[in-house]
Amino acid sequence: MKTVGIALLFGLCALIGVRLGAKKTERLKTVRSLRNDLQCFSERIAAGNSTLSALAAERSGLFSELLQNYLDALSRGCTEVNAAERATECLRGQEAMCAGMQQFLSGLSSAARSDLVKRTQLLSSVLDRAEAEAAAEAKQARILKVSGVLAGTGLAILLW
């Protein structure tokens, strides 16, 4: 029975480390997803074939979801700023990225194609900075995962 308890304690410590690490790496995945989607959006804008609603509908991903939420809020009568704030509600807790997306979305529906290219470049630089910060957090995530396993091992040895 003692062995089972020790094994459960070890597993619990390892699981806590993995879960804490997963929270830290989630931000990096989000930033990279936004960057990839922004790159596709930029290429489609440069081609000049589509409207914003068509661009939002043709891809699935966080960026397309944010763009669709923004356009939906505008169609319900929200102002540009309110629509941008509502669209970026899912990014709360990631303030730099949220502010960059709000700046990108505000006035997007009335922007000219040349302005859209400038906006994508500005958002890309914001996402570059956010990715660097998220990569630093991801390194901490590895430390948390290993620490959970080591703590569980240490406790198991002490209790044995």
C-alpha atoms as a PDB file:
ATOM      1  CA  MET A   1       0.000   0.000   0.000  1.00  0.00           C
ATOM      2  CA  LYS A   2       2.906   2.290   0.801  1.00  0.00           C
ATOM      3  CA  THR A   3       4.333   1.764  -2.692  1.00  0.00           C
ATOM      4  CA  VAL A   4       1.027   2.702  -4.325  1.00  0.00           C
ATOM      5  CA  GLY A   5       0.831   5.877  -2.238  1.00  0.00           C
ATOM      6  CA  ILE A   6       4.368   6.840  -3.154  1.00  0.00           C
ATOM      7  CA  ALA A   7       3.673   6.168  -6.840  1.00  0.00           C
ATOM      8  CA  LEU A   8       0.526   8.315  -6.680  1.00  0.00           C
ATOM      9  CA  LEU A   9       2.450  11.134  -4.986  1.00  0.00           C
ATOM     10  CA  PHE A  10       5.141  10.963  -7.661  1.00  0.00           C
ATOM     11  CA  GLY A  11       2.489  11.015 -10.402  1.00  0.00           C
ATOM     12  CA  LEU A  12       0.736  13.960  -8.804  1.00  0.00           C
ATOM     13  CA  CYS A  13       3.937  16.006  -8.597  1.00  0.00           C
ATOM     14  CA  ALA A  14       4.814  15.182 -12.205  1.00  0.00           C
ATOM     15  CA  LEU A  15       1.281  16.074 -13.345  1.00  0.00           C
ATOM     16  CA  ILE A  16       1.379  19.415 -11.550  1.00  0.00           C
ATOM     17  CA  GLY A  17       4.672  20.247 -13.256  1.00  0.00           C
ATOM     18  CA  VAL A  18       3.320  19.264 -16.671  1.00  0.00           C
ATOM     19  CA  ARG A  19       0.130  21.288 -16.215  1.00  0.00           C
ATOM     20  CA  LEU A  20       1.994  24.402 -15.109  1.00  0.00           C
ATOM     21  CA  GLY A  21       4.337  23.976 -18.061  1.00  0.00           C
ATOM     22  CA  ALA A  22       1.426  23.581 -20.476  1.00  0.00           C
ATOM     23  CA  LYS A  23      -0.043  26.902 -19.364  1.00  0.00           C
ATOM     24  CA  LYS A  24       3.267  28.604 -20.103  1.00  0.00           C
ATOM     25  CA  THR A  25       3.630  27.054 -23.578  1.00  0.00           C
ATOM     26  CA  GLU A  26       0.032  27.814 -24.565  1.00  0.00           C
ATOM     27  CA  ARG A  27       0.862  31.478 -25.122  1.00  0.00           C
ATOM     28  CA  LEU A  28       3.678  30.589 -27.524  1.00  0.00           C
ATOM     29  CA  LYS A  29       1.322  28.387 -29.545  1.00  0.00           C
ATOM     30  CA  THR A  30      -1.233  31.203 -29.681  1.00  0.00           C
ATOM     31  CA  VAL A  31       1.310  33.754 -30.899  1.00  0.00           C
ATOM     32  CA  ARG A  32       2.670  31.409 -33.555  1.00  0.00           C
ATOM     33  CA  SER A  33      -0.839  30.617 -34.753  1.00  0.00           C
ATOM     34  CA  LEU A  34      -1.638  34.325 -35.050  1.00  0.00           C
ATOM     35  CA  ARG A  35       1.609  34.944 -36.954  1.00  0.00           C
ATOM     36  CA  ASN A  36       0.894  32.161 -39.456  1.00  0.00           C
ATOM     37  CA  ASP A  37      -2.666  33.322 -40.003  1.00  0.00           C
ATOM     38  CA  LEU A  38      -1.515  36.948 -40.344  1.00  0.00           C
ATOM     39  CA  GLN A  39       0.995  35.892 -43.004  1.00  0.00           C
ATOM     40  CA  CYS A  40      -1.753  34.165 -45.008  1.00  0.00           C
ATOM     41  CA  PHE A  41      -4.010  37.197 -44.548  1.00  0.00           C
ATOM     42  CA  SER A  42      -1.230  39.494 -45.768  1.00  0.00           C
ATOM     43  CA  GLU A  43      -0.660  37.360 -48.862  1.00  0.00           C
ATOM     44  CA  ARG A  44      -4.376  37.351 -49.680  1.00  0.00           C
ATOM     45  CA  ILE A  45      -4.591  41.124 -49.231  1.00  0.00           C
ATOM     46  CA  ALA A  46      -1.581  41.622 -51.508  1.00  0.00           C
ATOM     47  CA  ALA A  47      -3.319  39.504 -54.152  1.00  0.00           C
ATOM     48  CA  GLY A  48      -6.334  41.817 -53.832  1.00  0.00           C
ATOM     49  CA  ASN A  49      -9.049  39.319 -54.679  1.00  0.00           C
ATOM     50  CA  SER A  50     -11.183  39.148 -51.542  1.00  0.00           C
ATOM     51  CA  THR A  51     -13.232  41.124 -49.089  1.00  0.00           C
ATOM     52  CA  LEU A  52     -12.609  41.040 -45.340  1.00  0.00           C
ATOM     53  CA  SER A  53     -15.605  38.820 -44.709  1.00  0.00           C
ATOM     54  CA  ALA A  54     -14.475  36.366 -47.395  1.00  0.00           C
ATOM     55  CA  LEU A  55     -10.973  36.293 -45.916  1.00  0.00           C
ATOM     56  CA  ALA A  56     -12.342  35.654 -42.438  1.00  0.00           C
ATOM     57  CA  ALA A  57     -14.594  32.853 -43.650  1.00  0.00           C
ATOM     58  CA  GLU A  58     -12.134  30.960 -45.826  1.00  0.00           C
ATOM     59  CA  ARG A  59      -9.646  29.999 -43.102  1.00  0.00           C
ATOM     60  CA  SER A  60     -10.027  28.543 -39.662  1.00  0.00           C
ATOM     61  CA  GLY A  61      -7.802  29.719 -36.869  1.00  0.00           C
ATOM     62  CA  LEU A  62      -7.564  32.281 -34.134  1.00  0.00           C
ATOM     63  CA  PHE A  63      -6.872  35.210 -36.459  1.00  0.00           C
ATOM     64  CA  SER A  64      -9.861  34.368 -38.657  1.00  0.00           C
ATOM     65  CA  GLU A  65     -12.008  33.966 -35.561  1.00  0.00           C
ATOM     66  CA  LEU A  66     -10.937  37.386 -34.275  1.00  0.00           C
ATOM     67  CA  LEU A  67     -11.599  38.955 -37.660  1.00  0.00           C
ATOM     68  CA  GLN A  68     -15.017  37.292 -37.911  1.00  0.00           C
ATOM     69  CA  ASN A  69     -15.945  38.417 -34.369  1.00  0.00           C
ATOM     70  CA  TYR A  70     -14.904  41.963 -35.288  1.00  0.00           C
ATOM     71  CA  LEU A  71     -17.011  41.971 -38.457  1.00  0.00           C
ATOM     72  CA  ASP A  72     -19.986  40.458 -36.611  1.00  0.00           C
ATOM     73  CA  ALA A  73     -19.793  43.151 -33.927  1.00  0.00           C
ATOM     74  CA  LEU A  74     -19.681  45.838 -36.619  1.00  0.00           C
ATOM     75  CA  SER A  75     -22.736  44.368 -38.334  1.00  0.00           C
ATOM     76  CA  ARG A  76     -24.600  44.525 -34.994  1.00  0.00           C
ATOM     77  CA  GLY A  77     -23.953  48.268 -34.855  1.00  0.00           C
ATOM     78  CA  CYS A  78     -20.911  48.524 -32.596  1.00  0.00           C
ATOM     79  CA  THR A  79     -18.362  51.239 -33.126  1.00  0.00           C
ATOM     80  CA  GLU A  80     -14.954  50.324 -34.540  1.00  0.00           C
ATOM     81  CA  VAL A  81     -13.262  50.539 -31.129  1.00  0.00           C
ATOM     82  CA  ASN A  82     -15.966  48.537 -29.334  1.00  0.00           C
ATOM     83  CA  ALA A  83     -15.972  45.906 -32.075  1.00  0.00           C
ATOM     84  CA  ALA A  84     -12.189  45.548 -31.759  1.00  0.00           C
ATOM     85  CA  GLU A  85     -12.443  45.225 -27.968  1.00  0.00           C
ATOM     86  CA  ARG A  86     -15.158  42.586 -28.210  1.00  0.00           C
ATOM     87  CA  ALA A  87     -13.244  40.636 -30.828  1.00  0.00           C
ATOM     88  CA  THR A  88     -10.119  40.464 -28.681  1.00  0.00           C
ATOM     89  CA  GLU A  89     -11.797  39.425 -25.430  1.00  0.00           C
ATOM     90  CA  CYS A  90     -10.371  35.911 -25.798  1.00  0.00           C
ATOM     91  CA  LEU A  91      -6.833  37.364 -25.628  1.00  0.00           C
ATOM     92  CA  ARG A  92      -7.242  38.765 -22.097  1.00  0.00           C
ATOM     93  CA  GLY A  93      -4.199  38.059 -19.994  1.00  0.00           C
ATOM     94  CA  GLN A  94      -1.935  38.606 -22.993  1.00  0.00           C
ATOM     95  CA  GLU A  95      -2.068  42.381 -22.907  1.00  0.00           C
ATOM     96  CA  ALA A  96       0.605  43.236 -25.487  1.00  0.00           C
ATOM     97  CA  MET A  97      -0.951  40.942 -28.071  1.00  0.00           C
ATOM     98  CA  CYS A  98      -4.448  42.133 -27.197  1.00  0.00           C
ATOM     99  CA  ALA A  99      -3.484  45.798 -27.593  1.00  0.00           C
ATOM    100  CA  GLY A 100      -1.772  45.076 -30.920  1.00  0.00           C
ATOM    101  CA  MET A 101      -4.811  43.221 -32.250  1.00  0.00           C
ATOM    102  CA  GLN A 102      -7.133  46.009 -31.109  1.00  0.00           C
ATOM    103  CA  GLN A 103      -4.971  48.562 -32.883  1.00  0.00           C
ATOM    104  CA  PHE A 104      -4.955  46.378 -35.996  1.00  0.00           C
ATOM    105  CA  LEU A 105      -8.718  45.864 -35.996  1.00  0.00           C
ATOM    106  CA  SER A 106      -9.758  49.441 -35.168  1.00  0.00           C
ATOM    107  CA  GLY A 107     -10.687  51.043 -38.474  1.00  0.00           C
ATOM    108  CA  LEU A 108      -9.903  47.909 -40.464  1.00  0.00           C
ATOM    109  CA  SER A 109     -13.246  47.793 -42.246  1.00  0.00           C
ATOM    110  CA  SER A 110     -12.742  51.202 -43.839  1.00  0.00           C
ATOM    111  CA  ALA A 111      -9.011  50.904 -44.543  1.00  0.00           C
ATOM    112  CA  ALA A 112      -7.581  50.937 -48.059  1.00  0.00           C
ATOM    113  CA  ARG A 113      -5.533  47.972 -49.307  1.00  0.00           C
ATOM    114  CA  SER A 114      -2.264  49.880 -48.915  1.00  0.00           C
ATOM    115  CA  ASP A 115      -3.238  50.682 -45.330  1.00  0.00           C
ATOM    116  CA  LEU A 116      -4.010  47.008 -44.709  1.00  0.00           C
ATOM    117  CA  VAL A 117      -0.463  46.086 -45.711  1.00  0.00           C
ATOM    118  CA  LYS A 118       0.935  48.658 -43.267  1.00  0.00           C
ATOM    119  CA  ARG A 119      -1.358  47.363 -40.534  1.00  0.00           C
ATOM    120  CA  THR A 120      -0.212  43.788 -41.080  1.00  0.00           C
ATOM    121  CA  GLN A 121       3.425  44.885 -40.860  1.00  0.00           C
ATOM    122  CA  LEU A 122       2.777  46.706 -37.577  1.00  0.00           C
ATOM    123  CA  LEU A 123       0.907  43.742 -36.134  1.00  0.00           C
ATOM    124  CA  SER A 124       3.687  41.448 -37.291  1.00  0.00           C
ATOM    125  CA  SER A 125       6.240  43.461 -35.297  1.00  0.00           C
ATOM    126  CA  VAL A 126       3.979  43.311 -32.222  1.00  0.00           C
ATOM    127  CA  LEU A 127       3.670  39.550 -32.645  1.00  0.00           C
ATOM    128  CA  ASP A 128       7.458  39.249 -33.016  1.00  0.00           C
ATOM    129  CA  ARG A 129       7.913  40.853 -29.606  1.00  0.00           C
ATOM    130  CA  ALA A 130       5.144  38.743 -28.100  1.00  0.00           C
ATOM    131  CA  GLU A 131       6.739  35.610 -29.537  1.00  0.00           C
ATOM    132  CA  ALA A 132      10.097  36.474 -27.974  1.00  0.00           C
ATOM    133  CA  GLU A 133       8.415  36.930 -24.576  1.00  0.00           C
ATOM    134  CA  ALA A 134       6.422  33.719 -25.000  1.00  0.00           C
ATOM    135  CA  ALA A 135       9.565  31.801 -25.962  1.00  0.00           C
ATOM    136  CA  ALA A 136      11.187  32.921 -22.707  1.00  0.00           C
ATOM    137  CA  GLU A 137       8.135  31.680 -20.823  1.00  0.00           C
ATOM    138  CA  ALA A 138       8.279  28.386 -22.724  1.00  0.00           C
ATOM    139  CA  LYS A 139      11.820  27.886 -21.427  1.00  0.00           C
ATOM    140  CA  GLN A 140      10.443  28.344 -17.927  1.00  0.00           C
ATOM    141  CA  ALA A 141       7.809  25.733 -18.769  1.00  0.00           C
ATOM    142  CA  ARG A 142      10.489  23.122 -19.362  1.00  0.00           C
ATOM    143  CA  ILE A 143      11.962  23.951 -15.987  1.00  0.00           C
ATOM    144  CA  LEU A 144       8.555  23.544 -14.333  1.00  0.00           C
ATOM    145  CA  LYS A 145       7.997  20.160 -15.964  1.00  0.00           C
ATOM    146  CA  VAL A 146      11.376  18.864 -14.865  1.00  0.00           C
ATOM    147  CA  SER A 147      10.927  20.354 -11.402  1.00  0.00           C
ATOM    148  CA  GLY A 148       7.638  18.495 -10.967  1.00  0.00           C
ATOM    149  CA  VAL A 149       9.268  15.195 -11.829  1.00  0.00           C
ATOM    150  CA  LEU A 150      12.275  15.898  -9.609  1.00  0.00           C
ATOM    151  CA  ALA A 151      10.078  16.942  -6.685  1.00  0.00           C
ATOM    152  CA  GLY A 152       8.045  13.759  -7.061  1.00  0.00           C
ATOM    153  CA  THR A 153      11.204  11.680  -7.215  1.00  0.00           C
ATOM    154  CA  GLY A 154      12.631  13.407  -4.155  1.00  0.00           C
ATOM    155  CA  LEU A 155       9.468  12.852  -2.151  1.00  0.00           C
ATOM    156  CA  ALA A 156       9.312   9.231  -3.251  1.00  0.00           C
ATOM    157  CA  ILE A 157      12.889   8.650  -2.108  1.00  0.00           C
ATOM    158  CA  LEU A 158      12.262  10.367   1.226  1.00  0.00           C
ATOM    159  CA  LEU A 159       9.107   8.380   1.909  1.00  0.00           C
ATOM    160  CA  TRP A 160      10.540   5.034   0.841  1.00  0.00           C
END
